[in-house]
Amino acid sequence: MTCSFGFDDGAYVLGALSPADRAAYEAHLPTCAACRKAVASFAGLPGLLRRLGQPQDESPAREDRIPLLLKALKRKRRARQRRTLALVLSAFCAALALGAGLTNLPQDQPVMYSMDKVAANTNVTAEASASQTPGGTLIRMHCAYPDNGKQTRPYTFRLVAIGTDGTVEQVGSWKAGPGEEITITGTVQLGLDTISRIELRGRDGAVLLVLVLSGS
């Protein structure tokens, strides 16, 4: 965070601050290492200025030198502001680039678990996952239908979630044939903690595969 007194160091050393500003700056100095370091870097400036090309018998009024010194301080301030702005812009661009990179990263997916076979005569395999969402539970399943040479036409399948109270809510339905793989994603209103199991059912309603989530 930029110090609010960051541009008063030179004016303080040269005595160009108003009494109120000088008192505020001096109260601030014990609490700010950056300002103390800045004041220390200007400490020799008044003595050097007194020796700049002035005859020994001439001593120009201090007030005559102050406008020139303030101009120099303003130039230094503008240069410092430009460097600070450049650093801020550089950091901002880096943050934008990092954010763009993060949006392209693959999002974490819940772990998928193999569904257990229930029907002995099915060769379907699947894995599924369930995760809580604000609107209920997001269920994702990936199925494979190996070609065993016996089945030649697609069949209808349904994926359902069973609540601990016996409620049945359909996630989705689709048709798939031998040799195909299907990924289906859907949301049910049942909360994750109220789902006892997920079932893959055939066209006749028979349970083919099941993934148990909690005891019912």
C-alpha atoms as a PDB file:
ATOM      1  CA  MET A   1       0.000   0.000   0.000  1.00  0.00           C
ATOM      2  CA  THR A   2       1.364   3.480  -0.942  1.00  0.00           C
ATOM      3  CA  CYS A   3       2.160   5.765   1.988  1.00  0.00           C
ATOM      4  CA  SER A   4       0.029   8.922   1.996  1.00  0.00           C
ATOM      5  CA  PHE A   5       3.118  10.934   3.009  1.00  0.00           C
ATOM      6  CA  GLY A   6       5.210   9.443   0.202  1.00  0.00           C
ATOM      7  CA  PHE A   7       5.782  12.743  -1.619  1.00  0.00           C
ATOM      8  CA  ASP A   8       6.487  15.004   1.355  1.00  0.00           C
ATOM      9  CA  ASP A   9      10.026  13.829   2.127  1.00  0.00           C
ATOM     10  CA  GLY A  10      11.929  16.397   0.056  1.00  0.00           C
ATOM     11  CA  ALA A  11       9.683  19.279   1.027  1.00  0.00           C
ATOM     12  CA  TYR A  12      10.140  18.349   4.686  1.00  0.00           C
ATOM     13  CA  VAL A  13      13.933  18.335   4.438  1.00  0.00           C
ATOM     14  CA  LEU A  14      13.905  21.697   2.650  1.00  0.00           C
ATOM     15  CA  GLY A  15      11.487  23.227   5.161  1.00  0.00           C
ATOM     16  CA  ALA A  16       8.814  23.854   2.534  1.00  0.00           C
ATOM     17  CA  LEU A  17       5.947  22.241   4.441  1.00  0.00           C
ATOM     18  CA  SER A  18       3.414  24.315   6.321  1.00  0.00           C
ATOM     19  CA  PRO A  19       3.640  24.114  10.130  1.00  0.00           C
ATOM     20  CA  ALA A  20       0.601  21.803  10.283  1.00  0.00           C
ATOM     21  CA  ASP A  21       1.904  19.537   7.505  1.00  0.00           C
ATOM     22  CA  ARG A  22       5.353  19.462   9.083  1.00  0.00           C
ATOM     23  CA  ALA A  23       3.900  18.470  12.467  1.00  0.00           C
ATOM     24  CA  ALA A  24       1.831  15.725  10.845  1.00  0.00           C
ATOM     25  CA  TYR A  25       4.844  14.452   8.918  1.00  0.00           C
ATOM     26  CA  GLU A  26       7.049  14.388  12.002  1.00  0.00           C
ATOM     27  CA  ALA A  27       4.365  12.478  13.900  1.00  0.00           C
ATOM     28  CA  HIS A  28       4.243   9.997  11.031  1.00  0.00           C
ATOM     29  CA  LEU A  29       7.997   9.430  10.695  1.00  0.00           C
ATOM     30  CA  PRO A  30       8.451   7.115  13.734  1.00  0.00           C
ATOM     31  CA  THR A  31       5.852   4.753  12.274  1.00  0.00           C
ATOM     32  CA  CYS A  32       7.108   4.563   8.669  1.00  0.00           C
ATOM     33  CA  ALA A  33      10.495   3.093   7.739  1.00  0.00           C
ATOM     34  CA  ALA A  34      10.065   4.106   4.078  1.00  0.00           C
ATOM     35  CA  CYS A  35       9.635   7.778   4.927  1.00  0.00           C
ATOM     36  CA  ARG A  36      12.566   7.726   7.341  1.00  0.00           C
ATOM     37  CA  LYS A  37      14.732   6.237   4.607  1.00  0.00           C
ATOM     38  CA  ALA A  38      13.546   8.895   2.130  1.00  0.00           C
ATOM     39  CA  VAL A  39      14.324  11.715   4.565  1.00  0.00           C
ATOM     40  CA  ALA A  40      17.771  10.254   5.175  1.00  0.00           C
ATOM     41  CA  SER A  41      18.427  10.209   1.408  1.00  0.00           C
ATOM     42  CA  PHE A  42      17.679  13.967   1.242  1.00  0.00           C
ATOM     43  CA  ALA A  43      19.550  14.868   4.416  1.00  0.00           C
ATOM     44  CA  GLY A  44      22.628  16.257   2.673  1.00  0.00           C
ATOM     45  CA  LEU A  45      20.708  18.219   0.046  1.00  0.00           C
ATOM     46  CA  PRO A  46      20.468  21.612   1.844  1.00  0.00           C
ATOM     47  CA  GLY A  47      24.211  21.700   2.519  1.00  0.00           C
ATOM     48  CA  LEU A  48      25.053  20.829  -1.071  1.00  0.00           C
ATOM     49  CA  LEU A  49      22.755  23.508  -2.405  1.00  0.00           C
ATOM     50  CA  ARG A  50      24.420  26.144  -0.265  1.00  0.00           C
ATOM     51  CA  ARG A  51      27.749  25.354  -1.911  1.00  0.00           C
ATOM     52  CA  LEU A  52      26.536  25.307  -5.518  1.00  0.00           C
ATOM     53  CA  GLY A  53      28.460  28.015  -7.365  1.00  0.00           C
ATOM     54  CA  GLN A  54      27.925  30.730  -4.785  1.00  0.00           C
ATOM     55  CA  PRO A  55      30.749  33.136  -3.897  1.00  0.00           C
ATOM     56  CA  GLN A  56      31.849  32.925  -0.327  1.00  0.00           C
ATOM     57  CA  ASP A  57      30.666  36.456   0.365  1.00  0.00           C
ATOM     58  CA  GLU A  58      27.237  35.942  -1.105  1.00  0.00           C
ATOM     59  CA  SER A  59      24.449  34.068   0.575  1.00  0.00           C
ATOM     60  CA  PRO A  60      21.213  34.175  -1.480  1.00  0.00           C
ATOM     61  CA  ALA A  61      18.017  34.211   0.438  1.00  0.00           C
ATOM     62  CA  ARG A  62      16.621  30.815   1.296  1.00  0.00           C
ATOM     63  CA  GLU A  63      13.298  31.835  -0.217  1.00  0.00           C
ATOM     64  CA  ASP A  64      15.009  32.352  -3.634  1.00  0.00           C
ATOM     65  CA  ARG A  65      16.131  28.735  -3.735  1.00  0.00           C
ATOM     66  CA  ILE A  66      12.862  27.139  -2.654  1.00  0.00           C
ATOM     67  CA  PRO A  67      10.972  27.553  -6.000  1.00  0.00           C
ATOM     68  CA  LEU A  68      13.826  25.858  -7.857  1.00  0.00           C
ATOM     69  CA  LEU A  69      13.974  23.061  -5.321  1.00  0.00           C
ATOM     70  CA  LEU A  70      10.222  22.527  -5.463  1.00  0.00           C
ATOM     71  CA  LYS A  71      10.403  22.238  -9.247  1.00  0.00           C
ATOM     72  CA  ALA A  72      13.078  19.584  -8.862  1.00  0.00           C
ATOM     73  CA  LEU A  73      10.922  17.763  -6.319  1.00  0.00           C
ATOM     74  CA  LYS A  74       7.934  17.893  -8.670  1.00  0.00           C
ATOM     75  CA  ARG A  75      10.034  16.352 -11.458  1.00  0.00           C
ATOM     76  CA  LYS A  76      11.160  13.630  -9.087  1.00  0.00           C
ATOM     77  CA  ARG A  77       7.572  13.072  -7.952  1.00  0.00           C
ATOM     78  CA  ARG A  78       6.340  12.724 -11.552  1.00  0.00           C
ATOM     79  CA  ALA A  79       9.117  10.255 -12.329  1.00  0.00           C
ATOM     80  CA  ARG A  80       8.246   8.240  -9.234  1.00  0.00           C
ATOM     81  CA  GLN A  81       4.560   8.260 -10.172  1.00  0.00           C
ATOM     82  CA  ARG A  82       5.382   7.022 -13.676  1.00  0.00           C
ATOM     83  CA  ARG A  83       7.454   4.160 -12.257  1.00  0.00           C
ATOM     84  CA  THR A  84       4.683   3.268  -9.819  1.00  0.00           C
ATOM     85  CA  LEU A  85       2.080   3.351 -12.589  1.00  0.00           C
ATOM     86  CA  ALA A  86       4.254   1.145 -14.772  1.00  0.00           C
ATOM     87  CA  LEU A  87       4.604  -1.379 -11.963  1.00  0.00           C
ATOM     88  CA  VAL A  88       0.860  -1.356 -11.295  1.00  0.00           C
ATOM     89  CA  LEU A  89       0.046  -1.833 -14.982  1.00  0.00           C
ATOM     90  CA  SER A  90       2.583  -4.638 -15.245  1.00  0.00           C
ATOM     91  CA  ALA A  91       1.101  -6.396 -12.216  1.00  0.00           C
ATOM     92  CA  PHE A  92      -2.413  -5.885 -13.578  1.00  0.00           C
ATOM     93  CA  CYS A  93      -1.495  -7.398 -16.947  1.00  0.00           C
ATOM     94  CA  ALA A  94       0.177 -10.325 -15.216  1.00  0.00           C
ATOM     95  CA  ALA A  95      -2.951 -10.885 -13.136  1.00  0.00           C
ATOM     96  CA  LEU A  96      -5.119 -10.826 -16.263  1.00  0.00           C
ATOM     97  CA  ALA A  97      -2.841 -13.324 -17.981  1.00  0.00           C
ATOM     98  CA  LEU A  98      -2.871 -15.565 -14.934  1.00  0.00           C
ATOM     99  CA  GLY A  99      -6.658 -15.337 -14.700  1.00  0.00           C
ATOM    100  CA  ALA A 100      -7.020 -16.224 -18.361  1.00  0.00           C
ATOM    101  CA  GLY A 101      -4.734 -19.177 -17.875  1.00  0.00           C
ATOM    102  CA  LEU A 102      -6.709 -20.387 -14.884  1.00  0.00           C
ATOM    103  CA  THR A 103      -9.986 -20.271 -16.773  1.00  0.00           C
ATOM    104  CA  ASN A 104      -8.491 -22.650 -19.312  1.00  0.00           C
ATOM    105  CA  LEU A 105      -7.412 -25.146 -16.706  1.00  0.00           C
ATOM    106  CA  PRO A 106      -9.573 -28.257 -16.350  1.00  0.00           C
ATOM    107  CA  GLN A 107     -11.987 -27.919 -13.464  1.00  0.00           C
ATOM    108  CA  ASP A 108     -11.817 -30.479 -10.658  1.00  0.00           C
ATOM    109  CA  GLN A 109     -14.375 -33.225 -11.080  1.00  0.00           C
ATOM    110  CA  PRO A 110     -15.758 -35.340  -8.246  1.00  0.00           C
ATOM    111  CA  VAL A 111     -14.282 -38.817  -8.012  1.00  0.00           C
ATOM    112  CA  MET A 112     -16.272 -41.357 -10.011  1.00  0.00           C
ATOM    113  CA  TYR A 113     -16.927 -44.816  -8.546  1.00  0.00           C
ATOM    114  CA  SER A 114     -17.700 -48.049 -10.369  1.00  0.00           C
ATOM    115  CA  MET A 115     -21.332 -49.082 -10.216  1.00  0.00           C
ATOM    116  CA  ASP A 116     -22.007 -52.616  -8.988  1.00  0.00           C
ATOM    117  CA  LYS A 117     -23.693 -55.107 -11.269  1.00  0.00           C
ATOM    118  CA  VAL A 118     -27.164 -56.206 -10.178  1.00  0.00           C
ATOM    119  CA  ALA A 119     -28.505 -57.972 -13.262  1.00  0.00           C
ATOM    120  CA  ALA A 120     -26.408 -61.039 -14.055  1.00  0.00           C
ATOM    121  CA  ASN A 121     -27.292 -60.985 -17.749  1.00  0.00           C
ATOM    122  CA  THR A 122     -25.994 -57.461 -18.482  1.00  0.00           C
ATOM    123  CA  ASN A 123     -22.596 -56.617 -19.886  1.00  0.00           C
ATOM    124  CA  VAL A 124     -23.031 -52.868 -19.324  1.00  0.00           C
ATOM    125  CA  THR A 125     -20.400 -51.170 -17.149  1.00  0.00           C
ATOM    126  CA  ALA A 126     -20.568 -47.701 -15.640  1.00  0.00           C
ATOM    127  CA  GLU A 127     -19.040 -45.328 -13.117  1.00  0.00           C
ATOM    128  CA  ALA A 128     -20.774 -42.414 -11.450  1.00  0.00           C
ATOM    129  CA  SER A 129     -20.256 -39.492  -9.088  1.00  0.00           C
ATOM    130  CA  ALA A 130     -22.532 -37.241  -7.033  1.00  0.00           C
ATOM    131  CA  SER A 131     -21.799 -33.766  -5.671  1.00  0.00           C
ATOM    132  CA  GLN A 132     -23.877 -31.217  -3.759  1.00  0.00           C
ATOM    133  CA  THR A 133     -25.031 -28.099  -5.642  1.00  0.00           C
ATOM    134  CA  PRO A 134     -27.196 -25.139  -4.576  1.00  0.00           C
ATOM    135  CA  GLY A 135     -30.151 -26.663  -6.415  1.00  0.00           C
ATOM    136  CA  GLY A 136     -29.747 -30.249  -5.252  1.00  0.00           C
ATOM    137  CA  THR A 137     -27.281 -32.922  -6.351  1.00  0.00           C
ATOM    138  CA  LEU A 138     -25.280 -33.065  -9.565  1.00  0.00           C
ATOM    139  CA  ILE A 139     -24.911 -36.635 -10.828  1.00  0.00           C
ATOM    140  CA  ARG A 140     -22.491 -37.638 -13.564  1.00  0.00           C
ATOM    141  CA  MET A 141     -22.217 -41.090 -15.093  1.00  0.00           C
ATOM    142  CA  HIS A 142     -20.168 -42.708 -17.837  1.00  0.00           C
ATOM    143  CA  CYS A 143     -21.463 -45.962 -19.394  1.00  0.00           C
ATOM    144  CA  ALA A 144     -19.929 -48.440 -21.802  1.00  0.00           C
ATOM    145  CA  TYR A 145     -21.901 -51.001 -23.816  1.00  0.00           C
ATOM    146  CA  PRO A 146     -19.503 -53.691 -25.060  1.00  0.00           C
ATOM    147  CA  ASP A 147     -20.393 -55.397 -28.304  1.00  0.00           C
ATOM    148  CA  ASN A 148     -20.891 -59.086 -27.457  1.00  0.00           C
ATOM    149  CA  GLY A 149     -22.187 -59.987 -30.894  1.00  0.00           C
ATOM    150  CA  LYS A 150     -25.619 -60.899 -29.564  1.00  0.00           C
ATOM    151  CA  GLN A 151     -27.274 -57.493 -29.464  1.00  0.00           C
ATOM    152  CA  THR A 152     -27.601 -55.470 -32.650  1.00  0.00           C
ATOM    153  CA  ARG A 153     -30.030 -52.650 -31.859  1.00  0.00           C
ATOM    154  CA  PRO A 154     -29.935 -49.791 -29.311  1.00  0.00           C
ATOM    155  CA  TYR A 155     -31.814 -50.042 -26.049  1.00  0.00           C
ATOM    156  CA  THR A 156     -33.305 -47.412 -23.762  1.00  0.00           C
ATOM    157  CA  PHE A 157     -31.662 -46.819 -20.398  1.00  0.00           C
ATOM    158  CA  ARG A 158     -32.605 -44.621 -17.443  1.00  0.00           C
ATOM    159  CA  LEU A 159     -30.518 -43.234 -14.599  1.00  0.00           C
ATOM    160  CA  VAL A 160     -32.402 -42.557 -11.344  1.00  0.00           C
ATOM    161  CA  ALA A 161     -31.575 -41.366  -7.842  1.00  0.00           C
ATOM    162  CA  ILE A 162     -33.299 -43.059  -4.903  1.00  0.00           C
ATOM    163  CA  GLY A 163     -33.885 -41.034  -1.733  1.00  0.00           C
ATOM    164  CA  THR A 164     -33.508 -42.459   1.741  1.00  0.00           C
ATOM    165  CA  ASP A 165     -37.295 -42.147   2.035  1.00  0.00           C
ATOM    166  CA  GLY A 166     -37.897 -44.121  -1.171  1.00  0.00           C
ATOM    167  CA  THR A 167     -38.334 -41.092  -3.446  1.00  0.00           C
ATOM    168  CA  VAL A 168     -37.340 -41.839  -7.050  1.00  0.00           C
ATOM    169  CA  GLU A 169     -36.076 -38.988  -9.198  1.00  0.00           C
ATOM    170  CA  GLN A 170     -34.891 -39.478 -12.771  1.00  0.00           C
ATOM    171  CA  VAL A 171     -31.553 -38.035 -13.787  1.00  0.00           C
ATOM    172  CA  GLY A 172     -31.997 -38.763 -17.489  1.00  0.00           C
ATOM    173  CA  SER A 173     -32.770 -41.348 -20.161  1.00  0.00           C
ATOM    174  CA  TRP A 174     -31.107 -42.234 -23.466  1.00  0.00           C
ATOM    175  CA  LYS A 175     -30.601 -44.902 -26.097  1.00  0.00           C
ATOM    176  CA  ALA A 176     -27.321 -46.700 -26.665  1.00  0.00           C
ATOM    177  CA  GLY A 177     -26.259 -49.610 -28.795  1.00  0.00           C
ATOM    178  CA  PRO A 178     -23.443 -52.184 -28.703  1.00  0.00           C
ATOM    179  CA  GLY A 179     -19.958 -50.643 -28.804  1.00  0.00           C
ATOM    180  CA  GLU A 180     -21.107 -47.184 -27.685  1.00  0.00           C
ATOM    181  CA  GLU A 181     -20.053 -45.129 -24.670  1.00  0.00           C
ATOM    182  CA  ILE A 182     -22.268 -42.467 -23.117  1.00  0.00           C
ATOM    183  CA  THR A 183     -21.623 -39.741 -20.551  1.00  0.00           C
ATOM    184  CA  ILE A 184     -24.664 -38.171 -18.932  1.00  0.00           C
ATOM    185  CA  THR A 185     -24.879 -35.318 -16.427  1.00  0.00           C
ATOM    186  CA  GLY A 186     -28.011 -34.173 -14.628  1.00  0.00           C
ATOM    187  CA  THR A 187     -29.241 -32.499 -11.452  1.00  0.00           C
ATOM    188  CA  VAL A 188     -31.892 -33.843  -9.091  1.00  0.00           C
ATOM    189  CA  GLN A 189     -33.642 -31.933  -6.333  1.00  0.00           C
ATOM    190  CA  LEU A 190     -32.702 -34.502  -3.702  1.00  0.00           C
ATOM    191  CA  GLY A 191     -29.868 -33.339  -1.454  1.00  0.00           C
ATOM    192  CA  LEU A 192     -26.682 -35.376  -1.499  1.00  0.00           C
ATOM    193  CA  ASP A 193     -27.194 -36.478   2.108  1.00  0.00           C
ATOM    194  CA  THR A 194     -30.722 -37.714   1.309  1.00  0.00           C
ATOM    195  CA  ILE A 195     -29.749 -39.989  -1.621  1.00  0.00           C
ATOM    196  CA  SER A 196     -29.294 -43.631  -0.697  1.00  0.00           C
ATOM    197  CA  ARG A 197     -28.256 -44.944  -4.116  1.00  0.00           C
ATOM    198  CA  ILE A 198     -28.046 -44.311  -7.853  1.00  0.00           C
ATOM    199  CA  GLU A 199     -29.482 -46.934 -10.218  1.00  0.00           C
ATOM    200  CA  LEU A 200     -29.021 -47.643 -13.916  1.00  0.00           C
ATOM    201  CA  ARG A 201     -32.201 -49.245 -15.214  1.00  0.00           C
ATOM    202  CA  GLY A 202     -33.088 -50.979 -18.456  1.00  0.00           C
ATOM    203  CA  ARG A 203     -36.006 -50.337 -20.745  1.00  0.00           C
ATOM    204  CA  ASP A 204     -38.251 -52.612 -18.683  1.00  0.00           C
ATOM    205  CA  GLY A 205     -37.368 -50.898 -15.394  1.00  0.00           C
ATOM    206  CA  ALA A 206     -35.064 -53.664 -14.216  1.00  0.00           C
ATOM    207  CA  VAL A 207     -32.054 -52.478 -12.194  1.00  0.00           C
ATOM    208  CA  LEU A 208     -28.829 -53.244 -14.044  1.00  0.00           C
ATOM    209  CA  LEU A 209     -26.210 -51.382 -11.985  1.00  0.00           C
ATOM    210  CA  VAL A 210     -26.250 -49.606  -8.650  1.00  0.00           C
ATOM    211  CA  LEU A 211     -24.000 -47.202  -6.728  1.00  0.00           C
ATOM    212  CA  VAL A 212     -24.800 -47.093  -3.001  1.00  0.00           C
ATOM    213  CA  LEU A 213     -24.209 -43.670  -1.408  1.00  0.00           C
ATOM    214  CA  SER A 214     -25.698 -44.127   2.074  1.00  0.00           C
ATOM    215  CA  GLY A 215     -27.679 -46.604   4.075  1.00  0.00           C
ATOM    216  CA  SER A 216     -31.457 -46.358   3.796  1.00  0.00           C
END
